[in-house]
Amino acid sequence: MKARAVLVADGARLTTLHGEPPLLLRRTGTADDGATVVHLVGGAAGPLAGDDLDLRIELTGDAAVEVRSVAATVALPGRTRDWSTLTVTVRVGPGATLRWLPEPLIAAAGCRHVSRARVELAAGARLMWRDELVCGRHGEQPGDLRSELHVRYAGRPLLAHDLAVGPEAPGWAGPAVLGRARAAGSLLTVNLPHPENAMPLNGPGALTVAVGEDLSTVSGSLVRGR
């Protein structure tokens, strides 16, 4: 399956909001600070083996958008050994704000999935980007999953943060990666307040990374001190 979705906002207006199953976009309200809230609504199971999903987000003017999802995303195996992919391409202009706060990604047994995000921030853009991963459903080992987040600010690299888990990722369960942890997460903030336990980056950003036995432990660690 191939699916494309586009979210474009200029100031307070959502000029484009288009999606295809399982990447359906719905405007669902307004956050306390006035940001427009958009939810990703899964219109089909997956991603499944071979699925090619593409989401593009572009914010200009003083646009402020918060992207969430109605449920966790479960990467599933399919009839083939092909990888499924989700590519998120983001451009945030000066003065615009994006908060990416979806529910976690679950790497079900047997899946082969790549989640790839490329974010381009203009000088003065603001970003909050949260990723959370659960290694397998209850009582099962995870499939293969690769998560990539690459961010540029004002034309210069700010962050390259990659993680691979599963049978094809050497050492993923070793002490240098996740060890016995079943969940992992990261929170990147750019030109926004950040948790006290965040690591400053070489630029106007800070990164918090957490691993734990379960998702609640990870989620709590990501917001500690805020």
N, C-alpha and C. Protein backbone atom coordinates (compact mmCIF):
# COMPACT_ATOMS: atom_id res chain seq x y z
N MET A 1 0.84 -1.19 0.00
CA MET A 1 0.00 0.00 0.00
C MET A 1 0.87 1.25 0.00
N LYS A 2 0.49 2.21 -0.81
CA LYS A 2 1.11 3.52 -0.78
C LYS A 2 0.10 4.54 -0.31
N ALA A 3 0.52 5.43 0.56
CA ALA A 3 -0.38 6.46 1.08
C ALA A 3 0.42 7.74 1.28
N ARG A 4 -0.23 8.87 0.96
CA ARG A 4 0.38 10.18 1.10
C ARG A 4 -0.53 11.08 1.92
N ALA A 5 0.09 11.94 2.73
CA ALA A 5 -0.67 12.91 3.51
C ALA A 5 0.10 14.22 3.53
N VAL A 6 -0.64 15.32 3.53
CA VAL A 6 -0.02 16.66 3.49
C VAL A 6 -0.75 17.56 4.48
N LEU A 7 0.04 18.27 5.28
CA LEU A 7 -0.48 19.30 6.19
C LEU A 7 0.29 20.58 5.94
N VAL A 8 -0.39 21.61 5.51
CA VAL A 8 0.24 22.91 5.26
C VAL A 8 -0.54 23.96 6.03
N ALA A 9 0.16 24.78 6.80
CA ALA A 9 -0.47 25.86 7.56
C ALA A 9 0.29 27.15 7.32
N ASP A 10 -0.48 28.23 7.12
CA ASP A 10 0.08 29.56 6.95
C ASP A 10 -0.60 30.46 7.98
N GLY A 11 0.15 30.82 9.02
CA GLY A 11 -0.47 31.56 10.10
C GLY A 11 -1.53 30.72 10.79
N ALA A 12 -2.71 31.29 10.99
CA ALA A 12 -3.79 30.57 11.67
C ALA A 12 -4.58 29.67 10.73
N ARG A 13 -4.26 29.66 9.43
CA ARG A 13 -5.05 28.90 8.46
C ARG A 13 -4.37 27.59 8.08
N LEU A 14 -5.16 26.52 8.11
CA LEU A 14 -4.72 25.26 7.53
C LEU A 14 -5.09 25.30 6.05
N THR A 15 -4.11 25.54 5.21
CA THR A 15 -4.41 25.69 3.79
C THR A 15 -4.54 24.35 3.08
N THR A 16 -3.89 23.31 3.61
CA THR A 16 -3.99 21.97 3.04
C THR A 16 -4.05 20.96 4.17
N LEU A 17 -5.02 20.06 4.11
CA LEU A 17 -5.12 18.96 5.07
C LEU A 17 -5.67 17.77 4.30
N HIS A 18 -4.75 16.94 3.83
CA HIS A 18 -5.13 15.83 2.96
C HIS A 18 -4.45 14.56 3.42
N GLY A 19 -5.18 13.45 3.40
CA GLY A 19 -4.59 12.18 3.79
C GLY A 19 -5.25 11.01 3.09
N GLU A 20 -4.55 9.87 3.11
CA GLU A 20 -5.05 8.62 2.55
C GLU A 20 -4.84 7.53 3.60
N PRO A 21 -5.76 6.56 3.71
CA PRO A 21 -5.58 5.49 4.71
C PRO A 21 -4.24 4.79 4.52
N PRO A 22 -3.47 4.55 5.61
CA PRO A 22 -3.81 4.81 7.00
C PRO A 22 -3.29 6.15 7.52
N LEU A 23 -3.04 7.11 6.65
CA LEU A 23 -2.56 8.44 7.06
C LEU A 23 -3.67 9.46 6.87
N LEU A 24 -4.71 9.36 7.67
CA LEU A 24 -5.80 10.32 7.61
C LEU A 24 -5.57 11.42 8.63
N LEU A 25 -5.76 12.66 8.22
CA LEU A 25 -5.56 13.82 9.08
C LEU A 25 -6.89 14.48 9.39
N ARG A 26 -7.09 14.82 10.67
CA ARG A 26 -8.33 15.47 11.09
C ARG A 26 -8.02 16.61 12.05
N ARG A 27 -8.53 17.80 11.73
CA ARG A 27 -8.42 18.89 12.69
C ARG A 27 -9.38 18.62 13.84
N THR A 28 -8.86 18.62 15.08
CA THR A 28 -9.67 18.19 16.22
C THR A 28 -9.86 19.25 17.29
N GLY A 29 -9.25 20.41 17.15
CA GLY A 29 -9.48 21.43 18.16
C GLY A 29 -8.34 22.42 18.24
N THR A 30 -8.29 23.08 19.40
CA THR A 30 -7.29 24.11 19.65
C THR A 30 -6.67 23.86 21.02
N ALA A 31 -5.35 23.91 21.10
CA ALA A 31 -4.65 23.72 22.37
C ALA A 31 -4.82 24.96 23.25
N ASP A 32 -4.45 24.83 24.51
CA ASP A 32 -4.61 25.94 25.46
C ASP A 32 -3.86 27.19 25.03
N ASP A 33 -2.74 27.01 24.31
CA ASP A 33 -1.96 28.17 23.88
C ASP A 33 -2.38 28.67 22.50
N GLY A 34 -3.47 28.12 21.96
CA GLY A 34 -3.98 28.58 20.67
C GLY A 34 -3.51 27.79 19.48
N ALA A 35 -2.62 26.82 19.67
CA ALA A 35 -2.13 26.02 18.55
C ALA A 35 -3.26 25.15 17.98
N THR A 36 -3.26 24.99 16.68
CA THR A 36 -4.22 24.12 16.01
C THR A 36 -3.82 22.66 16.26
N VAL A 37 -4.77 21.85 16.70
CA VAL A 37 -4.50 20.43 16.98
C VAL A 37 -5.02 19.58 15.82
N VAL A 38 -4.14 18.74 15.30
CA VAL A 38 -4.48 17.81 14.21
C VAL A 38 -4.14 16.41 14.67
N HIS A 39 -5.06 15.48 14.47
CA HIS A 39 -4.82 14.09 14.83
C HIS A 39 -4.62 13.23 13.58
N LEU A 40 -3.68 12.31 13.68
CA LEU A 40 -3.54 11.23 12.70
C LEU A 40 -4.51 10.12 13.08
N VAL A 41 -5.37 9.76 12.14
CA VAL A 41 -6.38 8.74 12.38
C VAL A 41 -6.07 7.55 11.48
N GLY A 42 -5.75 6.42 12.06
CA GLY A 42 -5.43 5.24 11.26
C GLY A 42 -6.66 4.70 10.57
N GLY A 43 -6.70 4.77 9.25
CA GLY A 43 -7.84 4.27 8.50
C GLY A 43 -7.69 2.83 8.08
N ALA A 44 -6.57 2.20 8.49
CA ALA A 44 -6.32 0.79 8.15
C ALA A 44 -5.27 0.27 9.10
N ALA A 45 -5.17 -1.06 9.19
CA ALA A 45 -4.16 -1.67 10.05
C ALA A 45 -2.77 -1.42 9.48
N GLY A 46 -1.81 -1.46 10.35
CA GLY A 46 -0.45 -1.35 9.87
C GLY A 46 0.29 -0.16 10.43
N PRO A 47 1.44 0.09 9.87
CA PRO A 47 1.95 -0.34 8.55
C PRO A 47 2.29 -1.83 8.49
N LEU A 48 2.03 -2.40 7.30
CA LEU A 48 2.33 -3.80 7.01
C LEU A 48 3.54 -3.88 6.07
N ALA A 49 4.11 -5.06 5.97
CA ALA A 49 5.27 -5.26 5.10
C ALA A 49 4.99 -4.72 3.71
N GLY A 50 5.92 -3.91 3.20
CA GLY A 50 5.79 -3.34 1.86
C GLY A 50 5.07 -2.02 1.80
N ASP A 51 4.40 -1.59 2.86
CA ASP A 51 3.70 -0.31 2.85
C ASP A 51 4.70 0.84 2.71
N ASP A 52 4.32 1.84 1.93
CA ASP A 52 5.15 3.02 1.69
C ASP A 52 4.30 4.24 2.05
N LEU A 53 4.54 4.80 3.24
CA LEU A 53 3.73 5.89 3.76
C LEU A 53 4.56 7.16 3.80
N ASP A 54 3.95 8.28 3.40
CA ASP A 54 4.68 9.54 3.29
C ASP A 54 3.82 10.68 3.83
N LEU A 55 4.36 11.42 4.79
CA LEU A 55 3.66 12.56 5.39
C LEU A 55 4.53 13.80 5.25
N ARG A 56 3.94 14.87 4.70
CA ARG A 56 4.66 16.13 4.55
C ARG A 56 3.96 17.21 5.36
N ILE A 57 4.75 17.96 6.13
CA ILE A 57 4.23 19.05 6.96
C ILE A 57 5.02 20.32 6.64
N GLU A 58 4.30 21.40 6.39
CA GLU A 58 4.96 22.69 6.11
C GLU A 58 4.21 23.79 6.84
N LEU A 59 4.94 24.54 7.67
CA LEU A 59 4.36 25.63 8.45
C LEU A 59 5.07 26.93 8.10
N THR A 60 4.29 27.98 7.81
CA THR A 60 4.85 29.28 7.50
C THR A 60 4.13 30.35 8.33
N GLY A 61 4.62 31.57 8.21
CA GLY A 61 4.04 32.66 9.01
C GLY A 61 4.23 32.36 10.48
N ASP A 62 3.22 32.70 11.29
CA ASP A 62 3.29 32.40 12.72
C ASP A 62 2.44 31.19 13.06
N ALA A 63 2.36 30.24 12.14
CA ALA A 63 1.55 29.03 12.35
C ALA A 63 2.03 28.28 13.59
N ALA A 64 1.08 27.73 14.34
CA ALA A 64 1.37 26.88 15.49
C ALA A 64 0.48 25.65 15.39
N VAL A 65 1.09 24.49 15.24
CA VAL A 65 0.33 23.26 15.02
C VAL A 65 0.85 22.17 15.96
N GLU A 66 -0.08 21.43 16.53
CA GLU A 66 0.25 20.28 17.37
C GLU A 66 -0.32 19.03 16.70
N VAL A 67 0.55 18.08 16.39
CA VAL A 67 0.13 16.84 15.71
C VAL A 67 0.14 15.71 16.73
N ARG A 68 -1.00 15.04 16.84
CA ARG A 68 -1.13 13.89 17.74
C ARG A 68 -1.70 12.71 16.95
N SER A 69 -1.89 11.59 17.60
CA SER A 69 -2.53 10.44 16.97
C SER A 69 -3.56 9.88 17.94
N VAL A 70 -4.60 9.24 17.40
CA VAL A 70 -5.68 8.76 18.25
C VAL A 70 -5.31 7.46 18.95
N ALA A 71 -4.30 6.76 18.47
CA ALA A 71 -3.90 5.49 19.07
C ALA A 71 -2.45 5.21 18.71
N ALA A 72 -1.89 4.22 19.39
CA ALA A 72 -0.54 3.79 19.06
C ALA A 72 -0.49 3.23 17.65
N THR A 73 0.67 3.35 17.01
CA THR A 73 0.91 2.75 15.71
C THR A 73 1.58 1.40 15.91
N VAL A 74 1.02 0.36 15.31
CA VAL A 74 1.57 -0.98 15.45
C VAL A 74 2.16 -1.42 14.11
N ALA A 75 3.47 -1.53 14.04
CA ALA A 75 4.13 -2.04 12.84
C ALA A 75 3.98 -3.55 12.82
N LEU A 76 3.39 -4.08 11.74
CA LEU A 76 3.01 -5.49 11.67
C LEU A 76 3.75 -6.21 10.54
N PRO A 77 3.91 -7.52 10.67
CA PRO A 77 4.47 -8.29 9.55
C PRO A 77 3.42 -8.46 8.45
N GLY A 78 3.87 -8.86 7.30
CA GLY A 78 2.95 -9.11 6.19
C GLY A 78 3.29 -10.42 5.51
N ARG A 79 2.79 -10.60 4.30
CA ARG A 79 3.02 -11.85 3.57
C ARG A 79 4.40 -11.91 2.95
N THR A 80 5.08 -10.78 2.88
CA THR A 80 6.42 -10.74 2.30
C THR A 80 7.43 -10.31 3.36
N ARG A 81 8.69 -10.34 3.00
CA ARG A 81 9.76 -9.89 3.89
C ARG A 81 10.16 -8.45 3.58
N ASP A 82 9.37 -7.75 2.78
CA ASP A 82 9.69 -6.36 2.45
C ASP A 82 9.57 -5.48 3.70
N TRP A 83 10.35 -4.42 3.70
CA TRP A 83 10.25 -3.44 4.78
C TRP A 83 9.08 -2.51 4.52
N SER A 84 8.40 -2.12 5.57
CA SER A 84 7.45 -1.01 5.49
C SER A 84 8.19 0.27 5.87
N THR A 85 7.72 1.41 5.35
CA THR A 85 8.40 2.68 5.63
C THR A 85 7.38 3.77 5.91
N LEU A 86 7.73 4.63 6.84
CA LEU A 86 7.01 5.88 7.07
C LEU A 86 8.03 7.00 7.01
N THR A 87 7.86 7.90 6.05
CA THR A 87 8.77 9.04 5.89
C THR A 87 8.00 10.32 6.20
N VAL A 88 8.51 11.07 7.17
CA VAL A 88 7.90 12.35 7.56
C VAL A 88 8.88 13.45 7.20
N THR A 89 8.45 14.37 6.33
CA THR A 89 9.28 15.48 5.89
C THR A 89 8.65 16.77 6.39
N VAL A 90 9.44 17.57 7.11
CA VAL A 90 8.90 18.74 7.80
C VAL A 90 9.72 19.97 7.45
N ARG A 91 9.00 21.07 7.20
CA ARG A 91 9.63 22.39 7.06
C ARG A 91 8.87 23.37 7.95
N VAL A 92 9.61 24.03 8.83
CA VAL A 92 9.01 25.00 9.75
C VAL A 92 9.69 26.34 9.53
N GLY A 93 8.90 27.33 9.15
CA GLY A 93 9.45 28.65 8.84
C GLY A 93 9.71 29.49 10.07
N PRO A 94 10.37 30.64 9.91
CA PRO A 94 10.67 31.52 11.05
C PRO A 94 9.39 31.97 11.74
N GLY A 95 9.38 31.85 13.07
CA GLY A 95 8.21 32.26 13.84
C GLY A 95 7.14 31.20 13.97
N ALA A 96 7.24 30.10 13.24
CA ALA A 96 6.24 29.03 13.30
C ALA A 96 6.63 28.00 14.36
N THR A 97 5.64 27.24 14.82
CA THR A 97 5.85 26.27 15.89
C THR A 97 5.19 24.95 15.53
N LEU A 98 5.93 23.84 15.68
CA LEU A 98 5.37 22.51 15.50
C LEU A 98 5.62 21.69 16.75
N ARG A 99 4.55 21.06 17.25
CA ARG A 99 4.69 20.07 18.32
C ARG A 99 4.25 18.72 17.76
N TRP A 100 5.17 17.78 17.70
CA TRP A 100 4.90 16.43 17.19
C TRP A 100 4.81 15.50 18.40
N LEU A 101 3.59 15.07 18.72
CA LEU A 101 3.36 14.34 19.97
C LEU A 101 2.45 13.12 19.74
N PRO A 102 2.83 12.21 18.85
CA PRO A 102 1.98 11.06 18.58
C PRO A 102 2.06 10.03 19.71
N GLU A 103 1.12 9.09 19.70
CA GLU A 103 1.18 7.94 20.58
C GLU A 103 2.35 7.05 20.14
N PRO A 104 2.76 6.09 20.98
CA PRO A 104 3.98 5.33 20.68
C PRO A 104 3.87 4.43 19.46
N LEU A 105 5.03 4.05 18.97
CA LEU A 105 5.16 3.08 17.89
C LEU A 105 5.51 1.73 18.51
N ILE A 106 4.76 0.69 18.16
CA ILE A 106 4.98 -0.64 18.70
C ILE A 106 5.53 -1.54 17.60
N ALA A 107 6.67 -2.14 17.86
CA ALA A 107 7.31 -3.04 16.89
C ALA A 107 6.84 -4.46 17.17
N ALA A 108 5.77 -4.89 16.50
CA ALA A 108 5.23 -6.22 16.72
C ALA A 108 6.19 -7.29 16.19
N ALA A 109 6.09 -8.49 16.75
CA ALA A 109 6.96 -9.59 16.32
C ALA A 109 6.83 -9.83 14.83
N GLY A 110 7.95 -9.96 14.16
CA GLY A 110 7.97 -10.25 12.73
C GLY A 110 7.93 -9.04 11.82
N CYS A 111 7.71 -7.84 12.37
CA CYS A 111 7.67 -6.65 11.51
C CYS A 111 9.06 -6.31 11.01
N ARG A 112 9.10 -5.55 9.92
CA ARG A 112 10.34 -4.98 9.38
C ARG A 112 9.96 -3.57 8.93
N HIS A 113 10.29 -2.58 9.76
CA HIS A 113 9.75 -1.23 9.55
C HIS A 113 10.84 -0.18 9.75
N VAL A 114 10.77 0.86 8.91
CA VAL A 114 11.65 2.03 9.03
C VAL A 114 10.78 3.26 9.23
N SER A 115 11.04 3.98 10.30
CA SER A 115 10.37 5.26 10.55
C SER A 115 11.42 6.36 10.41
N ARG A 116 11.21 7.22 9.42
CA ARG A 116 12.24 8.19 9.04
C ARG A 116 11.66 9.60 9.07
N ALA A 117 12.33 10.51 9.78
CA ALA A 117 11.88 11.90 9.84
C ALA A 117 13.02 12.83 9.45
N ARG A 118 12.71 13.78 8.56
CA ARG A 118 13.66 14.80 8.13
C ARG A 118 13.02 16.15 8.41
N VAL A 119 13.64 16.93 9.27
CA VAL A 119 13.05 18.19 9.73
C VAL A 119 13.99 19.34 9.39
N GLU A 120 13.45 20.34 8.70
CA GLU A 120 14.21 21.53 8.32
C GLU A 120 13.58 22.73 9.04
N LEU A 121 14.36 23.35 9.93
CA LEU A 121 13.88 24.48 10.71
C LEU A 121 14.58 25.76 10.26
N ALA A 122 13.80 26.79 9.98
CA ALA A 122 14.38 28.10 9.70
C ALA A 122 14.83 28.74 11.02
N ALA A 123 15.69 29.73 10.94
CA ALA A 123 16.09 30.46 12.14
C ALA A 123 14.85 31.06 12.79
N GLY A 124 14.71 30.85 14.09
CA GLY A 124 13.55 31.36 14.81
C GLY A 124 12.37 30.41 14.88
N ALA A 125 12.46 29.27 14.19
CA ALA A 125 11.39 28.27 14.26
C ALA A 125 11.44 27.57 15.62
N ARG A 126 10.28 27.05 16.04
CA ARG A 126 10.19 26.35 17.32
C ARG A 126 9.68 24.92 17.07
N LEU A 127 10.24 23.99 17.85
CA LEU A 127 9.90 22.58 17.63
C LEU A 127 9.89 21.82 18.95
N MET A 128 8.88 20.97 19.11
CA MET A 128 8.89 19.93 20.14
C MET A 128 8.59 18.62 19.42
N TRP A 129 9.50 17.66 19.54
CA TRP A 129 9.37 16.40 18.79
C TRP A 129 9.56 15.23 19.76
N ARG A 130 8.50 14.47 19.96
CA ARG A 130 8.56 13.33 20.87
C ARG A 130 8.37 12.03 20.10
N ASP A 131 9.25 11.09 20.34
CA ASP A 131 9.15 9.74 19.77
C ASP A 131 9.18 8.74 20.92
N GLU A 132 8.28 7.76 20.88
CA GLU A 132 8.29 6.69 21.89
C GLU A 132 8.13 5.34 21.18
N LEU A 133 8.90 4.35 21.62
CA LEU A 133 8.93 3.04 20.99
C LEU A 133 8.72 1.97 22.04
N VAL A 134 7.88 0.99 21.71
CA VAL A 134 7.69 -0.18 22.56
C VAL A 134 8.15 -1.41 21.77
N CYS A 135 9.02 -2.21 22.38
CA CYS A 135 9.61 -3.37 21.72
C CYS A 135 8.70 -4.59 21.86
N GLY A 136 7.78 -4.73 20.93
CA GLY A 136 6.89 -5.87 20.92
C GLY A 136 5.63 -5.65 21.73
N ARG A 137 4.59 -6.39 21.37
CA ARG A 137 3.38 -6.39 22.17
C ARG A 137 3.60 -7.24 23.42
N HIS A 138 2.61 -7.31 24.29
CA HIS A 138 2.78 -8.00 25.57
C HIS A 138 3.21 -9.45 25.35
N GLY A 139 4.31 -9.84 25.97
CA GLY A 139 4.76 -11.21 25.94
C GLY A 139 5.46 -11.65 24.68
N GLU A 140 5.81 -10.73 23.78
CA GLU A 140 6.48 -11.12 22.55
C GLU A 140 7.75 -10.30 22.33
N GLN A 141 8.67 -10.86 21.58
CA GLN A 141 9.87 -10.15 21.19
C GLN A 141 9.55 -9.23 20.01
N PRO A 142 10.30 -8.14 19.86
CA PRO A 142 10.00 -7.21 18.77
C PRO A 142 10.48 -7.72 17.43
N GLY A 143 9.85 -7.22 16.38
CA GLY A 143 10.40 -7.39 15.05
C GLY A 143 11.51 -6.39 14.82
N ASP A 144 11.89 -6.21 13.57
CA ASP A 144 12.98 -5.29 13.24
C ASP A 144 12.42 -3.90 12.96
N LEU A 145 12.98 -2.92 13.63
CA LEU A 145 12.53 -1.54 13.46
C LEU A 145 13.72 -0.60 13.51
N ARG A 146 13.71 0.34 12.59
CA ARG A 146 14.73 1.39 12.56
C ARG A 146 14.03 2.74 12.66
N SER A 147 14.51 3.56 13.55
CA SER A 147 13.95 4.90 13.74
C SER A 147 15.05 5.93 13.48
N GLU A 148 14.75 6.90 12.61
CA GLU A 148 15.74 7.91 12.24
C GLU A 148 15.12 9.30 12.38
N LEU A 149 15.82 10.18 13.08
CA LEU A 149 15.40 11.58 13.19
C LEU A 149 16.60 12.45 12.87
N HIS A 150 16.51 13.21 11.77
CA HIS A 150 17.57 14.13 11.35
C HIS A 150 16.98 15.53 11.27
N VAL A 151 17.60 16.47 11.99
CA VAL A 151 17.07 17.82 12.09
C VAL A 151 18.16 18.83 11.70
N ARG A 152 17.77 19.81 10.89
CA ARG A 152 18.65 20.92 10.54
C ARG A 152 18.00 22.22 11.00
N TYR A 153 18.86 23.13 11.46
CA TYR A 153 18.39 24.43 11.93
C TYR A 153 19.17 25.52 11.22
N ALA A 154 18.46 26.43 10.56
CA ALA A 154 19.08 27.54 9.84
C ALA A 154 20.14 27.03 8.86
N GLY A 155 19.85 25.89 8.21
CA GLY A 155 20.74 25.35 7.20
C GLY A 155 21.89 24.51 7.72
N ARG A 156 21.97 24.31 9.03
CA ARG A 156 23.07 23.55 9.61
C ARG A 156 22.53 22.34 10.38
N PRO A 157 23.28 21.24 10.39
CA PRO A 157 22.82 20.06 11.13
C PRO A 157 22.70 20.37 12.63
N LEU A 158 21.60 19.94 13.21
CA LEU A 158 21.38 20.10 14.65
C LEU A 158 21.38 18.76 15.37
N LEU A 159 20.76 17.74 14.76
CA LEU A 159 20.65 16.44 15.43
C LEU A 159 20.51 15.32 14.40
N ALA A 160 21.22 14.23 14.64
CA ALA A 160 21.01 12.97 13.92
C ALA A 160 20.89 11.89 14.98
N HIS A 161 19.68 11.36 15.14
CA HIS A 161 19.40 10.43 16.23
C HIS A 161 18.74 9.18 15.64
N ASP A 162 19.45 8.06 15.66
CA ASP A 162 18.98 6.82 15.05
C ASP A 162 18.95 5.71 16.09
N LEU A 163 18.01 4.78 15.92
CA LEU A 163 17.90 3.62 16.80
C LEU A 163 17.41 2.43 15.98
N ALA A 164 18.02 1.26 16.20
CA ALA A 164 17.59 0.03 15.55
C ALA A 164 17.39 -1.05 16.60
N VAL A 165 16.26 -1.76 16.52
CA VAL A 165 15.99 -2.86 17.43
C VAL A 165 15.54 -4.07 16.62
N GLY A 166 15.61 -5.25 17.25
CA GLY A 166 15.12 -6.45 16.60
C GLY A 166 16.22 -7.41 16.20
N PRO A 167 15.85 -8.58 15.70
CA PRO A 167 16.83 -9.63 15.40
C PRO A 167 17.91 -9.23 14.40
N GLU A 168 17.62 -8.31 13.49
CA GLU A 168 18.61 -7.93 12.49
C GLU A 168 19.48 -6.75 12.92
N ALA A 169 19.29 -6.28 14.14
CA ALA A 169 20.08 -5.16 14.66
C ALA A 169 21.10 -5.70 15.66
N PRO A 170 22.35 -5.86 15.26
CA PRO A 170 23.35 -6.46 16.15
C PRO A 170 23.47 -5.68 17.47
N GLY A 171 23.39 -6.41 18.55
CA GLY A 171 23.62 -5.81 19.86
C GLY A 171 22.49 -4.95 20.40
N TRP A 172 21.30 -4.99 19.78
CA TRP A 172 20.24 -4.07 20.21
C TRP A 172 19.81 -4.33 21.65
N ALA A 173 19.93 -5.59 22.11
CA ALA A 173 19.55 -5.91 23.48
C ALA A 173 20.75 -5.91 24.42
N GLY A 174 21.88 -5.40 23.94
CA GLY A 174 23.08 -5.35 24.77
C GLY A 174 23.12 -4.09 25.61
N PRO A 175 24.10 -3.99 26.51
CA PRO A 175 24.18 -2.83 27.42
C PRO A 175 24.43 -1.51 26.71
N ALA A 176 24.95 -1.54 25.49
CA ALA A 176 25.23 -0.30 24.77
C ALA A 176 24.01 0.26 24.07
N VAL A 177 22.91 -0.53 23.99
CA VAL A 177 21.71 -0.05 23.31
C VAL A 177 20.56 -0.03 24.32
N LEU A 178 19.73 -1.06 24.37
CA LEU A 178 18.59 -1.04 25.29
C LEU A 178 18.74 -1.98 26.47
N GLY A 179 19.64 -2.95 26.39
CA GLY A 179 19.75 -3.90 27.49
C GLY A 179 18.44 -4.64 27.67
N ARG A 180 17.93 -4.68 28.90
CA ARG A 180 16.68 -5.36 29.19
C ARG A 180 15.45 -4.46 29.03
N ALA A 181 15.67 -3.23 28.64
CA ALA A 181 14.55 -2.29 28.50
C ALA A 181 13.62 -2.73 27.38
N ARG A 182 12.34 -2.49 27.57
CA ARG A 182 11.32 -2.82 26.57
C ARG A 182 10.76 -1.58 25.89
N ALA A 183 11.16 -0.41 26.36
CA ALA A 183 10.63 0.83 25.79
C ALA A 183 11.74 1.88 25.75
N ALA A 184 11.62 2.78 24.78
CA ALA A 184 12.59 3.86 24.63
C ALA A 184 11.87 5.09 24.11
N GLY A 185 12.43 6.25 24.39
CA GLY A 185 11.80 7.47 23.92
C GLY A 185 12.79 8.62 23.86
N SER A 186 12.44 9.63 23.10
CA SER A 186 13.27 10.84 23.02
C SER A 186 12.36 12.05 22.90
N LEU A 187 12.85 13.17 23.41
CA LEU A 187 12.13 14.44 23.33
C LEU A 187 13.13 15.51 22.92
N LEU A 188 12.89 16.10 21.75
CA LEU A 188 13.72 17.20 21.25
C LEU A 188 12.94 18.49 21.34
N THR A 189 13.56 19.52 21.90
CA THR A 189 12.96 20.85 21.94
C THR A 189 13.93 21.84 21.31
N VAL A 190 13.38 22.73 20.49
CA VAL A 190 14.17 23.77 19.83
C VAL A 190 13.47 25.10 20.06
N ASN A 191 14.18 26.03 20.68
CA ASN A 191 13.65 27.36 21.01
C ASN A 191 12.39 27.27 21.87
N LEU A 192 12.32 26.22 22.71
CA LEU A 192 11.22 26.02 23.65
C LEU A 192 11.79 25.55 24.99
N PRO A 193 11.03 25.73 26.09
CA PRO A 193 11.51 25.18 27.37
C PRO A 193 11.72 23.68 27.29
N HIS A 194 12.68 23.18 28.05
CA HIS A 194 13.00 21.76 28.01
C HIS A 194 13.12 21.20 29.41
N PRO A 195 13.00 19.89 29.58
CA PRO A 195 13.16 19.27 30.90
C PRO A 195 14.54 19.53 31.50
N GLU A 196 14.61 19.48 32.82
CA GLU A 196 15.88 19.74 33.49
C GLU A 196 16.93 18.71 33.15
N ASN A 197 16.50 17.50 32.80
CA ASN A 197 17.46 16.43 32.51
C ASN A 197 17.84 16.35 31.04
N ALA A 198 17.53 17.39 30.27
CA ALA A 198 17.84 17.39 28.84
C ALA A 198 19.32 17.68 28.58
N MET A 199 19.81 17.17 27.47
CA MET A 199 21.19 17.41 27.05
C MET A 199 21.22 18.54 26.04
N PRO A 200 21.92 19.64 26.31
CA PRO A 200 21.99 20.74 25.35
C PRO A 200 22.69 20.30 24.07
N LEU A 201 22.20 20.80 22.93
CA LEU A 201 22.80 20.53 21.65
C LEU A 201 23.63 21.73 21.20
N ASN A 202 24.39 21.54 20.13
CA ASN A 202 25.18 22.62 19.57
C ASN A 202 24.30 23.49 18.69
N GLY A 203 23.46 24.26 19.34
CA GLY A 203 22.46 25.07 18.68
C GLY A 203 21.32 25.32 19.66
N PRO A 204 20.22 25.90 19.22
CA PRO A 204 19.14 26.26 20.13
C PRO A 204 18.21 25.09 20.45
N GLY A 205 18.79 23.96 20.86
CA GLY A 205 17.97 22.79 21.11
C GLY A 205 18.50 21.98 22.27
N ALA A 206 17.66 21.05 22.76
CA ALA A 206 18.04 20.15 23.84
C ALA A 206 17.34 18.81 23.62
N LEU A 207 18.01 17.73 24.00
CA LEU A 207 17.50 16.38 23.76
C LEU A 207 17.45 15.61 25.06
N THR A 208 16.32 14.95 25.28
CA THR A 208 16.16 14.03 26.40
C THR A 208 15.93 12.64 25.84
N VAL A 209 16.65 11.65 26.33
CA VAL A 209 16.51 10.27 25.90
C VAL A 209 16.27 9.40 27.12
N ALA A 210 15.34 8.45 27.00
CA ALA A 210 15.02 7.59 28.14
C ALA A 210 14.76 6.17 27.66
N VAL A 211 15.14 5.20 28.48
CA VAL A 211 14.79 3.79 28.26
C VAL A 211 14.23 3.26 29.57
N GLY A 212 13.39 2.21 29.48
CA GLY A 212 12.80 1.66 30.68
C GLY A 212 12.10 0.35 30.42
N GLU A 213 11.63 -0.27 31.49
CA GLU A 213 10.95 -1.55 31.39
C GLU A 213 9.58 -1.42 30.73
N ASP A 214 8.98 -0.24 30.82
CA ASP A 214 7.65 -0.05 30.23
C ASP A 214 7.51 1.39 29.77
N LEU A 215 6.41 1.65 29.05
CA LEU A 215 6.21 2.97 28.45
C LEU A 215 5.98 4.05 29.50
N SER A 216 5.29 3.72 30.59
CA SER A 216 5.02 4.74 31.60
C SER A 216 6.31 5.25 32.23
N THR A 217 7.28 4.37 32.41
CA THR A 217 8.57 4.79 32.97
C THR A 217 9.27 5.74 32.01
N VAL A 218 9.25 5.40 30.73
CA VAL A 218 9.90 6.24 29.72
C VAL A 218 9.20 7.59 29.61
N SER A 219 7.89 7.59 29.54
CA SER A 219 7.14 8.84 29.40
C SER A 219 7.40 9.76 30.58
N GLY A 220 7.45 9.19 31.78
CA GLY A 220 7.73 10.00 32.97
C GLY A 220 9.12 10.60 32.92
N SER A 221 10.09 9.84 32.44
CA SER A 221 11.46 10.35 32.37
C SER A 221 11.59 11.49 31.36
N LEU A 222 10.83 11.42 30.27
CA LEU A 222 10.94 12.45 29.24
C LEU A 222 10.44 13.81 29.72
N VAL A 223 9.50 13.83 30.64
CA VAL A 223 8.93 15.10 31.07
C VAL A 223 9.39 15.50 32.47
N ARG A 224 10.32 14.75 33.06
CA ARG A 224 10.76 15.08 34.40
C ARG A 224 11.34 16.49 34.44
N GLY A 225 10.93 17.24 35.44
CA GLY A 225 11.46 18.58 35.62
C GLY A 225 10.70 19.65 34.88
N ARG A 226 9.69 19.26 34.07
CA ARG A 226 8.95 20.28 33.34
C ARG A 226 7.80 20.77 34.18
